Amino acid sequence: MDSDEGQNFAKAYWNMITDFTGGDMSMLPRLIELGRFQNTDHKWKEVQDIANGYVEPALGVYFSRLGVDPFQEGNKEETE
């Protein structure tokens, strides 16, 4: 997760999210809720859980290195 490859992934993934939301971090809770796929079949949920097992730690390291917490109200991350 903290490899260059993992951090490049995290940066690209986060940039995609900020592009999608237009930087509106108030949308994050709803996106997280949608990402839980509560009413999907078991196999799809297993695949999503595997993906989240990589994405979440990679983003955690990425945010830690940036010194930001996008889940704190009023915090806006600047993208390069």
PDB file of N, CA and C in Angstrom:
ATOM      1  N   MET A   1       0.812  -1.192   0.000  1.00  0.00           N
ATOM      2  CA  MET A   1       0.000   0.000   0.000  1.00  0.00           C
ATOM      3  C   MET A   1       0.861   1.264   0.000  1.00  0.00           C
ATOM      4  N   ASP A   2       2.045   1.172   0.616  1.00  0.00           N
ATOM      5  CA  ASP A   2       2.893   2.358   0.663  1.00  0.00           C
ATOM      6  C   ASP A   2       3.982   2.343  -0.411  1.00  0.00           C
ATOM      7  N   SER A   3       3.890   1.380  -1.323  1.00  0.00           N
ATOM      8  CA  SER A   3       4.837   1.350  -2.444  1.00  0.00           C
ATOM      9  C   SER A   3       4.514   2.492  -3.399  1.00  0.00           C
ATOM     10  N   ASP A   4       5.452   2.780  -4.286  1.00  0.00           N
ATOM     11  CA  ASP A   4       5.200   3.808  -5.304  1.00  0.00           C
ATOM     12  C   ASP A   4       3.966   3.449  -6.131  1.00  0.00           C
ATOM     13  N   GLU A   5       3.848   2.171  -6.484  1.00  0.00           N
ATOM     14  CA  GLU A   5       2.698   1.726  -7.273  1.00  0.00           C
ATOM     15  C   GLU A   5       1.392   1.943  -6.497  1.00  0.00           C
ATOM     16  N   GLY A   6       1.386   1.573  -5.232  1.00  0.00           N
ATOM     17  CA  GLY A   6       0.195   1.750  -4.412  1.00  0.00           C
ATOM     18  C   GLY A   6      -0.163   3.213  -4.250  1.00  0.00           C
ATOM     19  N   GLN A   7       0.839   4.055  -4.064  1.00  0.00           N
ATOM     20  CA  GLN A   7       0.572   5.480  -3.886  1.00  0.00           C
ATOM     21  C   GLN A   7       0.173   6.169  -5.189  1.00  0.00           C
ATOM     22  N   ASN A   8       0.709   5.719  -6.313  1.00  0.00           N
ATOM     23  CA  ASN A   8       0.256   6.252  -7.599  1.00  0.00           C
ATOM     24  C   ASN A   8      -1.201   5.877  -7.846  1.00  0.00           C
ATOM     25  N   PHE A   9      -1.557   4.649  -7.473  1.00  0.00           N
ATOM     26  CA  PHE A   9      -2.948   4.229  -7.583  1.00  0.00           C
ATOM     27  C   PHE A   9      -3.836   5.109  -6.706  1.00  0.00           C
ATOM     28  N   ALA A  10      -3.438   5.287  -5.431  1.00  0.00           N
ATOM     29  CA  ALA A  10      -4.239   6.070  -4.493  1.00  0.00           C
ATOM     30  C   ALA A  10      -4.434   7.491  -4.996  1.00  0.00           C
ATOM     31  N   LYS A  11      -3.375   8.093  -5.516  1.00  0.00           N
ATOM     32  CA  LYS A  11      -3.465   9.464  -6.036  1.00  0.00           C
ATOM     33  C   LYS A  11      -4.437   9.525  -7.211  1.00  0.00           C
ATOM     34  N   ALA A  12      -4.309   8.596  -8.153  1.00  0.00           N
ATOM     35  CA  ALA A  12      -5.199   8.583  -9.318  1.00  0.00           C
ATOM     36  C   ALA A  12      -6.643   8.332  -8.896  1.00  0.00           C
ATOM     37  N   TYR A  13      -6.839   7.412  -7.966  1.00  0.00           N
ATOM     38  CA  TYR A  13      -8.175   7.077  -7.477  1.00  0.00           C
ATOM     39  C   TYR A  13      -8.804   8.284  -6.799  1.00  0.00           C
ATOM     40  N   TRP A  14      -8.025   8.959  -5.924  1.00  0.00           N
ATOM     41  CA  TRP A  14      -8.550  10.127  -5.223  1.00  0.00           C
ATOM     42  C   TRP A  14      -8.826  11.275  -6.193  1.00  0.00           C
ATOM     43  N   ASN A  15      -7.958  11.467  -7.176  1.00  0.00           N
ATOM     44  CA  ASN A  15      -8.205  12.511  -8.175  1.00  0.00           C
ATOM     45  C   ASN A  15      -9.501  12.240  -8.943  1.00  0.00           C
ATOM     46  N   MET A  16      -9.768  10.968  -9.207  1.00  0.00           N
ATOM     47  CA  MET A  16     -11.010  10.607  -9.885  1.00  0.00           C
ATOM     48  C   MET A  16     -12.213  10.962  -9.006  1.00  0.00           C
ATOM     49  N   ILE A  17     -12.109  10.696  -7.719  1.00  0.00           N
ATOM     50  CA  ILE A  17     -13.204  11.025  -6.801  1.00  0.00           C
ATOM     51  C   ILE A  17     -13.402  12.533  -6.717  1.00  0.00           C
ATOM     52  N   THR A  18     -12.312  13.289  -6.581  1.00  0.00           N
ATOM     53  CA  THR A  18     -12.461  14.742  -6.474  1.00  0.00           C
ATOM     54  C   THR A  18     -12.962  15.350  -7.778  1.00  0.00           C
ATOM     55  N   ASP A  19     -12.577  14.786  -8.912  1.00  0.00           N
ATOM     56  CA  ASP A  19     -13.129  15.253 -10.190  1.00  0.00           C
ATOM     57  C   ASP A  19     -14.630  14.984 -10.248  1.00  0.00           C
ATOM     58  N   PHE A  20     -15.031  13.791  -9.829  1.00  0.00           N
ATOM     59  CA  PHE A  20     -16.441  13.409  -9.858  1.00  0.00           C
ATOM     60  C   PHE A  20     -17.280  14.305  -8.953  1.00  0.00           C
ATOM     61  N   THR A  21     -16.761  14.607  -7.752  1.00  0.00           N
ATOM     62  CA  THR A  21     -17.515  15.415  -6.789  1.00  0.00           C
ATOM     63  C   THR A  21     -17.323  16.908  -7.000  1.00  0.00           C
ATOM     64  N   GLY A  22     -16.417  17.280  -7.880  1.00  0.00           N
ATOM     65  CA  GLY A  22     -16.118  18.696  -8.060  1.00  0.00           C
ATOM     66  C   GLY A  22     -15.479  19.296  -6.815  1.00  0.00           C
ATOM     67  N   GLY A  23     -14.853  18.443  -6.001  1.00  0.00           N
ATOM     68  CA  GLY A  23     -14.215  18.904  -4.775  1.00  0.00           C
ATOM     69  C   GLY A  23     -15.165  19.074  -3.602  1.00  0.00           C
ATOM     70  N   ASP A  24     -16.422  18.709  -3.782  1.00  0.00           N
ATOM     71  CA  ASP A  24     -17.424  18.836  -2.723  1.00  0.00           C
ATOM     72  C   ASP A  24     -17.333  17.629  -1.794  1.00  0.00           C
ATOM     73  N   MET A  25     -16.579  17.787  -0.703  1.00  0.00           N
ATOM     74  CA  MET A  25     -16.348  16.680   0.209  1.00  0.00           C
ATOM     75  C   MET A  25     -17.595  16.300   0.996  1.00  0.00           C
ATOM     76  N   SER A  26     -18.635  17.117   0.945  1.00  0.00           N
ATOM     77  CA  SER A  26     -19.881  16.751   1.627  1.00  0.00           C
ATOM     78  C   SER A  26     -20.552  15.562   0.941  1.00  0.00           C
ATOM     79  N   MET A  27     -20.110  15.252  -0.281  1.00  0.00           N
ATOM     80  CA  MET A  27     -20.658  14.101  -1.007  1.00  0.00           C
ATOM     81  C   MET A  27     -20.032  12.780  -0.564  1.00  0.00           C
ATOM     82  N   LEU A  28     -18.919  12.816   0.157  1.00  0.00           N
ATOM     83  CA  LEU A  28     -18.208  11.589   0.528  1.00  0.00           C
ATOM     84  C   LEU A  28     -19.060  10.588   1.309  1.00  0.00           C
ATOM     85  N   PRO A  29     -19.813  11.010   2.320  1.00  0.00           N
ATOM     86  CA  PRO A  29     -20.619  10.008   3.037  1.00  0.00           C
ATOM     87  C   PRO A  29     -21.590   9.257   2.134  1.00  0.00           C
ATOM     88  N   ARG A  30     -22.191   9.941   1.185  1.00  0.00           N
ATOM     89  CA  ARG A  30     -23.130   9.290   0.261  1.00  0.00           C
ATOM     90  C   ARG A  30     -22.389   8.332  -0.673  1.00  0.00           C
ATOM     91  N   LEU A  31     -21.226   8.731  -1.152  1.00  0.00           N
ATOM     92  CA  LEU A  31     -20.433   7.844  -2.009  1.00  0.00           C
ATOM     93  C   LEU A  31     -20.012   6.588  -1.255  1.00  0.00           C
ATOM     94  N   ILE A  32     -19.637   6.757  -0.002  1.00  0.00           N
ATOM     95  CA  ILE A  32     -19.252   5.604   0.815  1.00  0.00           C
ATOM     96  C   ILE A  32     -20.444   4.674   0.987  1.00  0.00           C
ATOM     97  N   GLU A  33     -21.587   5.248   1.263  1.00  0.00           N
ATOM     98  CA  GLU A  33     -22.804   4.445   1.413  1.00  0.00           C
ATOM     99  C   GLU A  33     -23.120   3.674   0.132  1.00  0.00           C
ATOM    100  N   LEU A  34     -23.022   4.331  -1.004  1.00  0.00           N
ATOM    101  CA  LEU A  34     -23.270   3.661  -2.283  1.00  0.00           C
ATOM    102  C   LEU A  34     -22.249   2.558  -2.545  1.00  0.00           C
ATOM    103  N   GLY A  35     -21.025   2.760  -2.088  1.00  0.00           N
ATOM    104  CA  GLY A  35     -19.964   1.793  -2.300  1.00  0.00           C
ATOM    105  C   GLY A  35     -20.095   0.526  -1.479  1.00  0.00           C
ATOM    106  N   ARG A  36     -21.025   0.501  -0.582  1.00  0.00           N
ATOM    107  CA  ARG A  36     -21.204  -0.697   0.253  1.00  0.00           C
ATOM    108  C   ARG A  36     -21.984  -1.793  -0.460  1.00  0.00           C
ATOM    109  N   PHE A  37     -22.673  -1.466  -1.537  1.00  0.00           N
ATOM    110  CA  PHE A  37     -23.389  -2.457  -2.348  1.00  0.00           C
ATOM    111  C   PHE A  37     -24.238  -3.390  -1.486  1.00  0.00           C
ATOM    112  N   GLN A  38     -25.078  -2.807  -0.648  1.00  0.00           N
ATOM    113  CA  GLN A  38     -25.831  -3.602   0.310  1.00  0.00           C
ATOM    114  C   GLN A  38     -26.808  -4.587  -0.312  1.00  0.00           C
ATOM    115  N   ASN A  39     -27.332  -4.302  -1.455  1.00  0.00           N
ATOM    116  CA  ASN A  39     -28.343  -5.178  -2.060  1.00  0.00           C
ATOM    117  C   ASN A  39     -27.830  -5.907  -3.292  1.00  0.00           C
ATOM    118  N   THR A  40     -26.554  -6.257  -3.280  1.00  0.00           N
ATOM    119  CA  THR A  40     -25.988  -6.976  -4.417  1.00  0.00           C
ATOM    120  C   THR A  40     -25.808  -8.451  -4.058  1.00  0.00           C
ATOM    121  N   ASP A  41     -25.525  -9.238  -5.079  1.00  0.00           N
ATOM    122  CA  ASP A  41     -25.334 -10.664  -4.815  1.00  0.00           C
ATOM    123  C   ASP A  41     -24.037 -10.900  -4.035  1.00  0.00           C
ATOM    124  N   HIS A  42     -23.959 -12.037  -3.413  1.00  0.00           N
ATOM    125  CA  HIS A  42     -22.856 -12.385  -2.522  1.00  0.00           C
ATOM    126  C   HIS A  42     -21.497 -12.350  -3.234  1.00  0.00           C
ATOM    127  N   LYS A  43     -21.432 -12.875  -4.445  1.00  0.00           N
ATOM    128  CA  LYS A  43     -20.162 -12.930  -5.182  1.00  0.00           C
ATOM    129  C   LYS A  43     -19.624 -11.523  -5.461  1.00  0.00           C
ATOM    130  N   TRP A  44     -20.502 -10.616  -5.885  1.00  0.00           N
ATOM    131  CA  TRP A  44     -20.074  -9.241  -6.173  1.00  0.00           C
ATOM    132  C   TRP A  44     -19.580  -8.577  -4.892  1.00  0.00           C
ATOM    133  N   LYS A  45     -20.261  -8.811  -3.778  1.00  0.00           N
ATOM    134  CA  LYS A  45     -19.848  -8.231  -2.501  1.00  0.00           C
ATOM    135  C   LYS A  45     -18.467  -8.746  -2.102  1.00  0.00           C
ATOM    136  N   GLU A  46     -18.191 -10.022  -2.332  1.00  0.00           N
ATOM    137  CA  GLU A  46     -16.867 -10.570  -2.031  1.00  0.00           C
ATOM    138  C   GLU A  46     -15.780  -9.862  -2.838  1.00  0.00           C
ATOM    139  N   VAL A  47     -16.034  -9.641  -4.117  1.00  0.00           N
ATOM    140  CA  VAL A  47     -15.066  -8.956  -4.977  1.00  0.00           C
ATOM    141  C   VAL A  47     -14.850  -7.527  -4.483  1.00  0.00           C
ATOM    142  N   GLN A  48     -15.923  -6.845  -4.125  1.00  0.00           N
ATOM    143  CA  GLN A  48     -15.818  -5.476  -3.635  1.00  0.00           C
ATOM    144  C   GLN A  48     -15.048  -5.420  -2.315  1.00  0.00           C
ATOM    145  N   ASP A  49     -15.260  -6.398  -1.446  1.00  0.00           N
ATOM    146  CA  ASP A  49     -14.524  -6.445  -0.183  1.00  0.00           C
ATOM    147  C   ASP A  49     -13.026  -6.626  -0.417  1.00  0.00           C
ATOM    148  N   ILE A  50     -12.657  -7.431  -1.396  1.00  0.00           N
ATOM    149  CA  ILE A  50     -11.243  -7.616  -1.739  1.00  0.00           C
ATOM    150  C   ILE A  50     -10.654  -6.300  -2.240  1.00  0.00           C
ATOM    151  N   ALA A  51     -11.375  -5.617  -3.116  1.00  0.00           N
ATOM    152  CA  ALA A  51     -10.905  -4.329  -3.643  1.00  0.00           C
ATOM    153  C   ALA A  51     -10.753  -3.314  -2.512  1.00  0.00           C
ATOM    154  N   ASN A  52     -11.736  -3.253  -1.623  1.00  0.00           N
ATOM    155  CA  ASN A  52     -11.665  -2.310  -0.509  1.00  0.00           C
ATOM    156  C   ASN A  52     -10.488  -2.612   0.413  1.00  0.00           C
ATOM    157  N   GLY A  53     -10.117  -3.880   0.517  1.00  0.00           N
ATOM    158  CA  GLY A  53      -8.976  -4.272   1.323  1.00  0.00           C
ATOM    159  C   GLY A  53      -7.675  -3.691   0.805  1.00  0.00           C
ATOM    160  N   TYR A  54      -7.630  -3.302  -0.439  1.00  0.00           N
ATOM    161  CA  TYR A  54      -6.455  -2.654  -1.027  1.00  0.00           C
ATOM    162  C   TYR A  54      -6.621  -1.137  -1.049  1.00  0.00           C
ATOM    163  N   VAL A  55      -7.787  -0.683  -1.516  1.00  0.00           N
ATOM    164  CA  VAL A  55      -8.033   0.746  -1.712  1.00  0.00           C
ATOM    165  C   VAL A  55      -7.958   1.516  -0.391  1.00  0.00           C
ATOM    166  N   GLU A  56      -8.645   1.028   0.628  1.00  0.00           N
ATOM    167  CA  GLU A  56      -8.709   1.764   1.883  1.00  0.00           C
ATOM    168  C   GLU A  56      -7.333   1.985   2.519  1.00  0.00           C
ATOM    169  N   PRO A  57      -6.499   0.941   2.662  1.00  0.00           N
ATOM    170  CA  PRO A  57      -5.173   1.188   3.238  1.00  0.00           C
ATOM    171  C   PRO A  57      -4.295   2.082   2.352  1.00  0.00           C
ATOM    172  N   ALA A  58      -4.384   1.919   1.031  1.00  0.00           N
ATOM    173  CA  ALA A  58      -3.580   2.749   0.124  1.00  0.00           C
ATOM    174  C   ALA A  58      -3.966   4.219   0.281  1.00  0.00           C
ATOM    175  N   LEU A  59      -5.265   4.500   0.363  1.00  0.00           N
ATOM    176  CA  LEU A  59      -5.703   5.879   0.567  1.00  0.00           C
ATOM    177  C   LEU A  59      -5.285   6.387   1.943  1.00  0.00           C
ATOM    178  N   GLY A  60      -5.328   5.507   2.942  1.00  0.00           N
ATOM    179  CA  GLY A  60      -4.897   5.916   4.282  1.00  0.00           C
ATOM    180  C   GLY A  60      -3.456   6.389   4.299  1.00  0.00           C
ATOM    181  N   VAL A  61      -2.570   5.645   3.644  1.00  0.00           N
ATOM    182  CA  VAL A  61      -1.167   6.036   3.559  1.00  0.00           C
ATOM    183  C   VAL A  61      -1.035   7.325   2.765  1.00  0.00           C
ATOM    184  N   TYR A  62      -1.755   7.428   1.651  1.00  0.00           N
ATOM    185  CA  TYR A  62      -1.707   8.615   0.798  1.00  0.00           C
ATOM    186  C   TYR A  62      -2.100   9.868   1.588  1.00  0.00           C
ATOM    187  N   PHE A  63      -3.221   9.803   2.307  1.00  0.00           N
ATOM    188  CA  PHE A  63      -3.676  10.957   3.089  1.00  0.00           C
ATOM    189  C   PHE A  63      -2.708  11.269   4.225  1.00  0.00           C
ATOM    190  N   SER A  64      -2.168  10.237   4.836  1.00  0.00           N
ATOM    191  CA  SER A  64      -1.210  10.435   5.920  1.00  0.00           C
ATOM    192  C   SER A  64       0.022  11.177   5.422  1.00  0.00           C
ATOM    193  N   ARG A  65       0.517  10.787   4.278  1.00  0.00           N
ATOM    194  CA  ARG A  65       1.700  11.449   3.710  1.00  0.00           C
ATOM    195  C   ARG A  65       1.406  12.884   3.316  1.00  0.00           C
ATOM    196  N   LEU A  66       0.172  13.149   2.890  1.00  0.00           N
ATOM    197  CA  LEU A  66      -0.218  14.518   2.541  1.00  0.00           C
ATOM    198  C   LEU A  66      -0.502  15.357   3.782  1.00  0.00           C
ATOM    199  N   GLY A  67      -0.793  14.675   4.890  1.00  0.00           N
ATOM    200  CA  GLY A  67      -1.137  15.386   6.114  1.00  0.00           C
ATOM    201  C   GLY A  67      -2.536  15.965   6.083  1.00  0.00           C
ATOM    202  N   VAL A  68      -3.440  15.282   5.361  1.00  0.00           N
ATOM    203  CA  VAL A  68      -4.827  15.743   5.270  1.00  0.00           C
ATOM    204  C   VAL A  68      -5.766  14.614   5.657  1.00  0.00           C
ATOM    205  N   ASP A  69      -6.953  15.015   6.078  1.00  0.00           N
ATOM    206  CA  ASP A  69      -8.025  14.062   6.345  1.00  0.00           C
ATOM    207  C   ASP A  69      -9.262  14.582   5.627  1.00  0.00           C
ATOM    208  N   PRO A  70      -9.546  14.064   4.432  1.00  0.00           N
ATOM    209  CA  PRO A  70     -10.661  14.592   3.652  1.00  0.00           C
ATOM    210  C   PRO A  70     -12.022  14.316   4.285  1.00  0.00           C
ATOM    211  N   PHE A  71     -12.048  13.508   5.323  1.00  0.00           N
ATOM    212  CA  PHE A  71     -13.309  13.179   5.973  1.00  0.00           C
ATOM    213  C   PHE A  71     -13.641  14.144   7.097  1.00  0.00           C
ATOM    214  N   GLN A  72     -12.730  15.091   7.359  1.00  0.00           N
ATOM    215  CA  GLN A  72     -13.001  16.145   8.333  1.00  0.00           C
ATOM    216  C   GLN A  72     -13.779  17.252   7.638  1.00  0.00           C
ATOM    217  N   GLU A  73     -14.835  17.715   8.260  1.00  0.00           N
ATOM    218  CA  GLU A  73     -15.679  18.755   7.670  1.00  0.00           C
ATOM    219  C   GLU A  73     -14.853  19.995   7.382  1.00  0.00           C
ATOM    220  N   GLY A  74     -15.077  20.558   6.206  1.00  0.00           N
ATOM    221  CA  GLY A  74     -14.417  21.795   5.817  1.00  0.00           C
ATOM    222  C   GLY A  74     -13.034  21.617   5.236  1.00  0.00           C
ATOM    223  N   ASN A  75     -12.554  20.390   5.129  1.00  0.00           N
ATOM    224  CA  ASN A  75     -11.223  20.133   4.602  1.00  0.00           C
ATOM    225  C   ASN A  75     -11.328  19.861   3.109  1.00  0.00           C
ATOM    226  N   LYS A  76     -10.598  20.629   2.314  1.00  0.00           N
ATOM    227  CA  LYS A  76     -10.567  20.416   0.880  1.00  0.00           C
ATOM    228  C   LYS A  76      -9.142  20.110   0.470  1.00  0.00           C
ATOM    229  N   GLU A  77      -8.985  19.014  -0.243  1.00  0.00           N
ATOM    230  CA  GLU A  77      -7.657  18.633  -0.720  1.00  0.00           C
ATOM    231  C   GLU A  77      -7.398  19.322  -2.046  1.00  0.00           C
ATOM    232  N   GLU A  78      -6.169  19.779  -2.207  1.00  0.00           N
ATOM    233  CA  GLU A  78      -5.761  20.342  -3.474  1.00  0.00           C
ATOM    234  C   GLU A  78      -5.101  19.248  -4.288  1.00  0.00           C
ATOM    235  N   THR A  79      -5.485  19.134  -5.534  1.00  0.00           N
ATOM    236  CA  THR A  79      -4.860  18.149  -6.414  1.00  0.00           C
ATOM    237  C   THR A  79      -3.810  18.832  -7.245  1.00  0.00           C
ATOM    238  N   GLU A  80      -2.820  18.056  -7.666  1.00  0.00           N
ATOM    239  CA  GLU A  80      -1.742  18.612  -8.483  1.00  0.00           C
ATOM    240  C   GLU A  80      -2.176  18.768  -9.904  1.00  0.00           C
TER     241      GLU A  80
END
